[in-house]
Protein backbone atom coordinates (compact mmCIF):
# COMPACT_ATOMS: atom_id res chain seq x y z
CA MET A 1 51.09 -49.98 66.30
CA VAL A 2 53.10 -47.69 68.31
CA GLU A 3 51.87 -46.94 72.13
CA CYS A 4 52.10 -43.33 72.41
CA GLY A 5 52.05 -43.83 76.61
CA ASN A 6 55.77 -45.47 75.71
CA LEU A 7 57.17 -41.94 74.73
CA ARG A 8 59.06 -39.95 76.96
CA ASP A 9 61.79 -38.32 74.81
CA GLY A 10 60.18 -37.05 71.66
CA SER A 11 63.80 -36.09 70.05
CA GLU A 12 64.73 -39.99 70.07
CA MET A 13 61.55 -40.92 68.19
CA GLY A 14 60.69 -40.77 64.45
CA ASN A 15 63.00 -37.75 62.58
CA ALA A 16 61.27 -34.81 64.40
CA PRO A 17 63.54 -31.63 64.11
CA ALA A 18 64.79 -30.48 67.85
CA ASP A 19 64.46 -26.82 66.88
CA PRO A 20 61.63 -26.16 64.44
CA ALA A 21 61.05 -22.95 62.23
CA ARG A 22 58.66 -20.80 64.17
CA PHE A 23 56.83 -17.56 62.51
CA GLU A 24 55.80 -14.37 64.73
CA LEU A 25 52.69 -13.29 64.00
CA GLY A 26 52.11 -10.55 66.46
CA GLY A 27 50.89 -11.36 69.88
CA CYS A 28 51.74 -14.83 68.59
CA THR A 29 54.07 -17.37 67.51
CA VAL A 30 53.49 -20.49 65.59
CA THR A 31 55.22 -23.33 64.87
CA LEU A 32 55.56 -25.71 62.09
CA LEU A 33 55.74 -29.46 63.17
CA SER A 34 55.65 -32.24 61.44
CA GLY A 35 52.87 -35.04 61.67
CA GLY A 36 54.83 -37.62 59.40
CA SER A 37 55.15 -38.34 56.15
CA LEU A 38 53.32 -40.94 53.72
CA LYS A 39 53.43 -41.67 49.61
CA LEU A 40 50.19 -41.60 47.77
CA ASP A 41 49.67 -42.61 43.75
CA GLY A 42 50.97 -39.43 42.11
CA GLY A 43 48.11 -39.58 39.78
CA ALA A 44 45.54 -39.38 41.76
CA MET A 45 47.12 -36.73 43.36
CA PHE A 46 47.08 -34.31 40.44
CA GLY A 47 43.97 -35.75 38.78
CA LEU A 48 43.76 -34.65 35.58
CA ILE A 49 47.06 -33.13 34.82
CA PRO A 50 49.45 -35.71 32.94
CA LYS A 51 52.02 -37.16 34.17
CA ALA A 52 54.65 -35.49 31.62
CA LEU A 53 53.61 -32.50 33.37
CA TRP A 54 53.42 -32.98 37.00
CA SER A 55 56.34 -35.20 37.01
CA ARG A 56 59.08 -32.69 35.85
CA THR A 57 58.14 -31.13 39.68
CA THR A 58 57.30 -33.86 41.64
CA PRO A 59 59.03 -37.47 41.25
CA ALA A 60 57.20 -40.65 41.54
CA ASP A 61 58.56 -43.77 42.79
CA ASP A 62 58.56 -47.00 40.71
CA LEU A 63 55.37 -47.89 42.23
CA ASN A 64 54.39 -44.59 40.94
CA ARG A 65 53.73 -42.92 44.53
CA ILE A 66 55.04 -39.75 45.90
CA HIS A 67 56.50 -38.15 49.08
CA LEU A 68 54.07 -35.93 51.23
CA ASN A 69 54.61 -34.11 54.28
CA CYS A 70 51.91 -34.21 56.68
CA ASN A 71 52.92 -30.46 58.20
CA CYS A 72 50.76 -29.43 61.22
CA LEU A 73 50.92 -26.21 63.34
CA LEU A 74 51.42 -25.35 66.91
CA VAL A 75 49.90 -21.94 67.66
CA GLU A 76 51.01 -20.31 70.76
CA TRP A 77 49.76 -16.68 72.63
CA ALA A 78 51.97 -14.13 74.12
CA GLY A 79 50.75 -13.04 77.70
CA GLU A 80 48.82 -14.53 80.12
CA SER A 81 46.42 -16.71 77.84
CA ALA A 82 46.49 -20.37 78.61
CA ARG A 83 45.44 -21.79 74.84
CA ARG A 84 47.66 -23.67 73.25
CA LEU A 85 46.04 -24.70 69.80
CA ILE A 86 47.07 -27.63 67.40
CA VAL A 87 46.23 -26.93 63.71
CA GLU A 88 45.95 -30.83 61.97
CA THR A 89 47.70 -34.10 63.59
CA GLY A 90 48.68 -35.81 60.72
CA HIS A 91 48.61 -40.35 59.92
CA GLY A 92 49.02 -40.55 63.75
CA PRO A 93 50.58 -44.08 64.90
CA LYS A 94 47.88 -46.57 64.14
CA TYR A 95 49.22 -48.78 60.98
CA ASP A 96 49.67 -52.65 60.09
CA ALA A 97 52.52 -53.96 58.29
CA ARG A 98 50.18 -53.70 55.11
CA GLU A 99 48.87 -50.27 55.66
CA GLN A 100 52.48 -49.20 56.85
CA LYS A 101 54.02 -50.38 53.33
CA ILE A 102 51.34 -49.61 51.06
CA PHE A 103 51.49 -45.69 52.55
CA ALA A 104 55.46 -45.62 53.33
CA ILE A 105 54.33 -44.95 56.79
CA ASN A 106 56.92 -44.78 59.77
CA PRO A 107 54.45 -45.04 62.63
CA GLU A 108 57.15 -43.81 65.02
CA ASP A 109 57.40 -41.05 62.91
CA TRP A 110 54.27 -38.33 63.82
CA LEU A 111 52.94 -35.92 65.42
CA LEU A 112 53.42 -36.27 69.49
CA PRO A 113 56.96 -37.17 69.18
CA ALA A 114 57.94 -33.39 67.05
CA LEU A 115 55.52 -32.20 69.83
CA GLU A 116 57.78 -33.98 72.39
CA ALA A 117 60.78 -32.89 70.78
CA ALA A 118 59.75 -29.10 70.97
CA GLY A 119 59.64 -28.93 74.86
CA VAL A 120 55.46 -29.35 74.64
CA ASP A 121 53.24 -31.68 76.98
CA ALA A 122 50.42 -32.84 74.48
CA ALA A 123 48.26 -32.69 78.23
CA THR A 124 48.50 -28.52 77.77
CA VAL A 125 47.25 -28.29 74.00
CA THR A 126 43.80 -27.12 74.96
CA ASP A 127 42.63 -26.76 71.21
CA VAL A 128 42.96 -29.02 68.07
CA VAL A 129 41.95 -27.86 64.64
CA VAL A 130 41.61 -30.25 61.84
CA THR A 131 40.63 -29.37 58.23
CA HIS A 132 38.67 -32.68 57.61
CA LEU A 133 38.98 -36.14 58.99
CA HIS A 134 40.55 -38.14 56.22
CA PHE A 135 42.98 -40.50 58.15
CA ASP A 136 45.98 -38.44 57.25
CA HIS A 137 44.58 -34.84 59.01
CA ALA A 138 43.39 -36.61 61.69
CA GLY A 139 44.83 -39.67 62.36
CA GLY A 140 46.87 -38.46 64.67
CA LEU A 141 43.71 -37.44 67.03
CA THR A 142 44.33 -40.99 68.99
CA CYS A 143 46.76 -43.04 69.93
CA VAL A 144 47.35 -46.90 72.01
CA ARG A 145 47.82 -46.19 75.48
CA ASP A 146 48.74 -49.12 78.06
CA GLY A 147 46.36 -51.15 75.13
CA ARG A 148 43.60 -49.37 74.67
CA LEU A 149 42.58 -46.18 72.27
CA VAL A 150 42.66 -42.76 74.20
CA PRO A 151 42.47 -39.07 72.88
CA THR A 152 46.15 -37.66 72.17
CA PHE A 153 45.39 -34.57 73.40
CA PRO A 154 43.64 -35.67 76.57
CA ASN A 155 42.72 -31.53 77.80
CA ALA A 156 41.57 -30.74 74.10
CA ARG A 157 38.65 -29.65 72.60
CA VAL A 158 38.99 -30.91 68.54
CA HIS A 159 37.11 -28.52 66.48
CA VAL A 160 35.69 -29.33 62.65
CA GLN A 161 32.61 -28.30 60.85
CA ARG A 162 29.91 -30.10 61.73
CA ARG A 163 28.97 -31.15 58.26
CA GLU A 164 32.43 -32.46 57.43
CA PHE A 165 31.86 -34.80 60.96
CA GLU A 166 28.52 -36.02 60.07
CA ASP A 167 29.52 -36.55 56.12
CA ALA A 168 33.09 -38.77 58.10
CA ARG A 169 30.37 -40.63 60.74
CA LEU A 170 28.27 -42.09 57.50
CA GLY A 171 31.18 -42.68 55.55
CA PHE A 172 30.03 -40.19 52.72
CA GLY A 173 32.59 -39.83 49.57
CA VAL A 174 34.17 -42.18 47.42
CA MET A 175 37.39 -42.83 49.51
CA THR A 176 35.21 -44.23 52.47
CA GLN A 177 38.41 -45.77 54.26
CA THR A 178 39.64 -42.88 54.84
CA TYR A 179 36.94 -42.16 57.34
CA ARG A 180 38.35 -44.38 60.47
CA GLU A 181 36.44 -44.41 63.67
CA GLU A 182 39.18 -45.41 65.48
CA SER A 183 40.18 -41.86 65.09
CA TYR A 184 37.06 -40.52 66.29
CA LEU A 185 35.55 -42.94 69.06
CA PRO A 186 38.37 -41.86 72.02
CA ILE A 187 36.97 -38.09 71.23
CA ASP A 188 33.15 -39.70 71.37
CA GLU A 189 33.92 -40.85 74.83
CA VAL A 190 35.20 -37.94 76.50
CA ASN A 191 32.61 -35.87 74.51
CA GLY A 192 35.33 -33.78 73.05
CA TRP A 193 34.33 -32.35 70.02
CA SER A 194 33.68 -28.74 68.92
CA LEU A 195 31.51 -28.50 65.94
CA CYS A 196 31.65 -25.82 63.75
CA ASP A 197 28.83 -24.24 61.77
CA GLY A 198 30.50 -21.64 59.47
CA ASP A 199 33.35 -19.54 60.39
CA ALA A 200 32.81 -18.22 64.18
CA GLU A 201 36.40 -17.72 65.94
CA VAL A 202 37.53 -20.86 67.86
CA ALA A 203 40.35 -19.06 69.57
CA PRO A 204 41.69 -15.76 69.75
CA GLY A 205 42.33 -14.62 66.22
CA VAL A 206 42.04 -18.18 64.81
CA ARG A 207 38.91 -18.80 62.79
CA PRO A 208 37.62 -21.07 60.04
CA LEU A 209 37.50 -20.17 56.51
CA LEU A 210 34.84 -22.48 54.53
CA THR A 211 36.58 -24.08 51.41
CA ALA A 212 34.57 -26.96 50.55
CA GLY A 213 35.28 -28.82 47.27
CA HIS A 214 37.92 -31.77 48.72
CA THR A 215 35.14 -32.58 51.03
CA ARG A 216 31.75 -30.88 51.57
CA GLY A 217 32.94 -29.85 55.14
CA HIS A 218 36.26 -29.26 54.23
CA GLN A 219 37.77 -25.69 55.82
CA SER A 220 40.96 -24.32 55.68
CA LEU A 221 42.23 -22.18 58.79
CA ILE A 222 43.17 -18.50 59.11
CA ILE A 223 45.43 -17.62 62.18
CA GLU A 224 45.69 -13.92 62.45
CA GLY A 225 48.37 -11.51 64.40
CA ARG A 226 48.61 -7.87 65.40
CA ASP A 227 51.17 -7.50 62.64
CA ARG A 228 50.59 -10.43 60.00
CA GLY A 229 48.11 -13.37 59.41
CA MET A 230 48.33 -17.42 57.82
CA ILE A 231 46.22 -19.27 56.10
CA PHE A 232 46.60 -23.47 56.68
CA THR A 233 45.23 -24.36 53.27
CA GLY A 234 44.21 -28.03 54.23
CA ASP A 235 43.60 -29.95 51.04
CA VAL A 236 41.99 -27.37 49.09
CA MET A 237 45.87 -26.59 48.04
CA PRO A 238 47.87 -29.93 49.16
CA THR A 239 51.33 -28.61 48.03
CA ARG A 240 52.91 -26.00 46.00
CA ASN A 241 52.52 -27.55 42.79
CA HIS A 242 49.01 -27.68 43.01
CA VAL A 243 48.67 -23.93 42.54
CA GLY A 244 47.27 -24.25 39.41
CA GLN A 245 43.28 -23.29 39.06
CA PRO A 246 43.59 -26.59 36.75
CA TYR A 247 45.87 -28.77 39.34
CA ASN A 248 43.04 -30.59 41.57
CA MET A 249 43.36 -34.07 42.84
CA ALA A 250 41.35 -37.21 41.87
CA TYR A 251 40.38 -37.28 45.79
CA ASP A 252 38.56 -33.70 45.63
CA LEU A 253 34.76 -34.50 45.72
CA PHE A 254 33.73 -31.88 43.87
CA PRO A 255 36.66 -30.39 41.73
CA LEU A 256 34.92 -27.03 40.70
CA ASP A 257 34.17 -25.79 44.00
CA ASN A 258 37.56 -27.12 44.98
CA GLN A 259 39.03 -24.80 42.33
CA ASP A 260 36.64 -21.27 43.33
CA SER A 261 38.21 -22.32 47.02
CA LYS A 262 41.39 -22.48 45.78
CA ARG A 263 41.06 -19.01 44.21
CA ARG A 264 39.62 -17.59 47.05
CA VAL A 265 42.10 -18.48 49.50
CA LEU A 266 44.85 -17.64 47.10
CA ALA A 267 43.41 -14.05 46.77
CA LEU A 268 43.08 -13.10 49.99
CA ALA A 269 46.30 -13.95 51.21
CA ALA A 270 48.00 -12.36 47.90
CA GLU A 271 45.59 -9.22 49.08
CA ARG A 272 46.62 -8.97 52.69
CA ASP A 273 50.09 -10.52 52.64
CA TRP A 274 49.38 -13.34 54.72
CA LEU A 275 51.77 -16.37 54.79
CA LEU A 276 50.09 -19.89 53.22
CA ALA A 277 50.88 -23.07 55.27
CA LEU A 278 50.80 -26.30 53.08
CA ASP A 279 49.21 -29.00 54.69
CA HIS A 280 51.39 -31.78 52.28
CA ASP A 281 54.49 -29.99 50.53
CA PRO A 282 57.68 -31.63 51.63
CA GLU A 283 60.09 -29.17 50.97
CA THR A 284 58.36 -25.62 51.14
CA PRO A 285 55.38 -25.74 53.14
CA ILE A 286 55.46 -21.76 54.26
CA VAL A 287 54.81 -19.63 51.19
CA ARG A 288 53.59 -16.15 50.23
CA VAL A 289 51.33 -15.49 47.17
CA VAL A 290 51.55 -12.57 44.78
CA PRO A 291 49.73 -11.49 41.63
CA ASP A 292 51.13 -13.23 38.62
CA GLY A 293 48.76 -12.04 35.83
CA GLU A 294 45.26 -12.44 35.94
CA TYR A 295 46.09 -15.62 38.19
CA PHE A 296 48.46 -16.31 41.39
CA ALA A 297 52.14 -17.61 42.22
CA LEU A 298 54.21 -18.53 45.11
CA GLU A 299 57.30 -17.50 46.95
CA THR A 300 59.20 -19.15 49.68
CA GLU A 301 59.27 -17.88 53.09
CA SER A 302 61.82 -19.21 55.65
CA ALA A 303 62.11 -19.06 59.20
CA ALA A 304 64.95 -19.45 60.90
CA PRO A 305 64.93 -22.35 63.19
CA GLY A 306 63.73 -21.16 66.65
CA GLY A 307 61.94 -17.91 64.92
């Protein structure tokens, strides 16, 4: 495992961009950061959709794995606010050689080096929000420092839905190994959890949007500035190639609920001209939603590096 205490210059670790894309929403700035990358089975990522269809837009390697990013957000407010919020933490650094090979994970390429490359000290982060507690979303909550597991963000409250937290600790679901105690125990030790019951605001303009389906307690996240809003989708729609109504993952515990949640997210973003931030898309993580007949289509939204 990589020791997070050994990191001094994030620009030397992994492949985090030194000048990431920023989006001004009016009173707050959202910066897109890399939480690393991984590969997962393409068939599992597209569920019932035949490979003959999904492979047209998402090529697989010789092991049938597709490349995915772990996209994270840094939210900062203008003026006197001392709040600094992270959305999602990616896979983190805690993987042995076998897991690195299975998932094509580079344990040196994760959120902390990307954050440091952007000039942000993890100790200044006050809030972390995760959509759910699977390893590729919550793995960056903790790391190894001086030989022991510690919170990556020592002064932050970690916001997650209470239902998701309880399911994770009980191993509820069909993928119990994706809930990993090493990502939770250090947060327990500092009483760092903030359990949400619904959509109450967790920071100025930042509130959960309940989007059950992938898990029972899955949440997306609304970030609303004076001028515009953004929704971080989480795994309700992991890439732009999952926009179609039947495009569920085999990992979704409740596919029909997930389809309903996805439609609600798309409709809200289209109605208000909000941006979507896609958690696993490796090429176009920030998109706009436009009506397309009785459903929706996506358009790429770009920001120049540095805003």
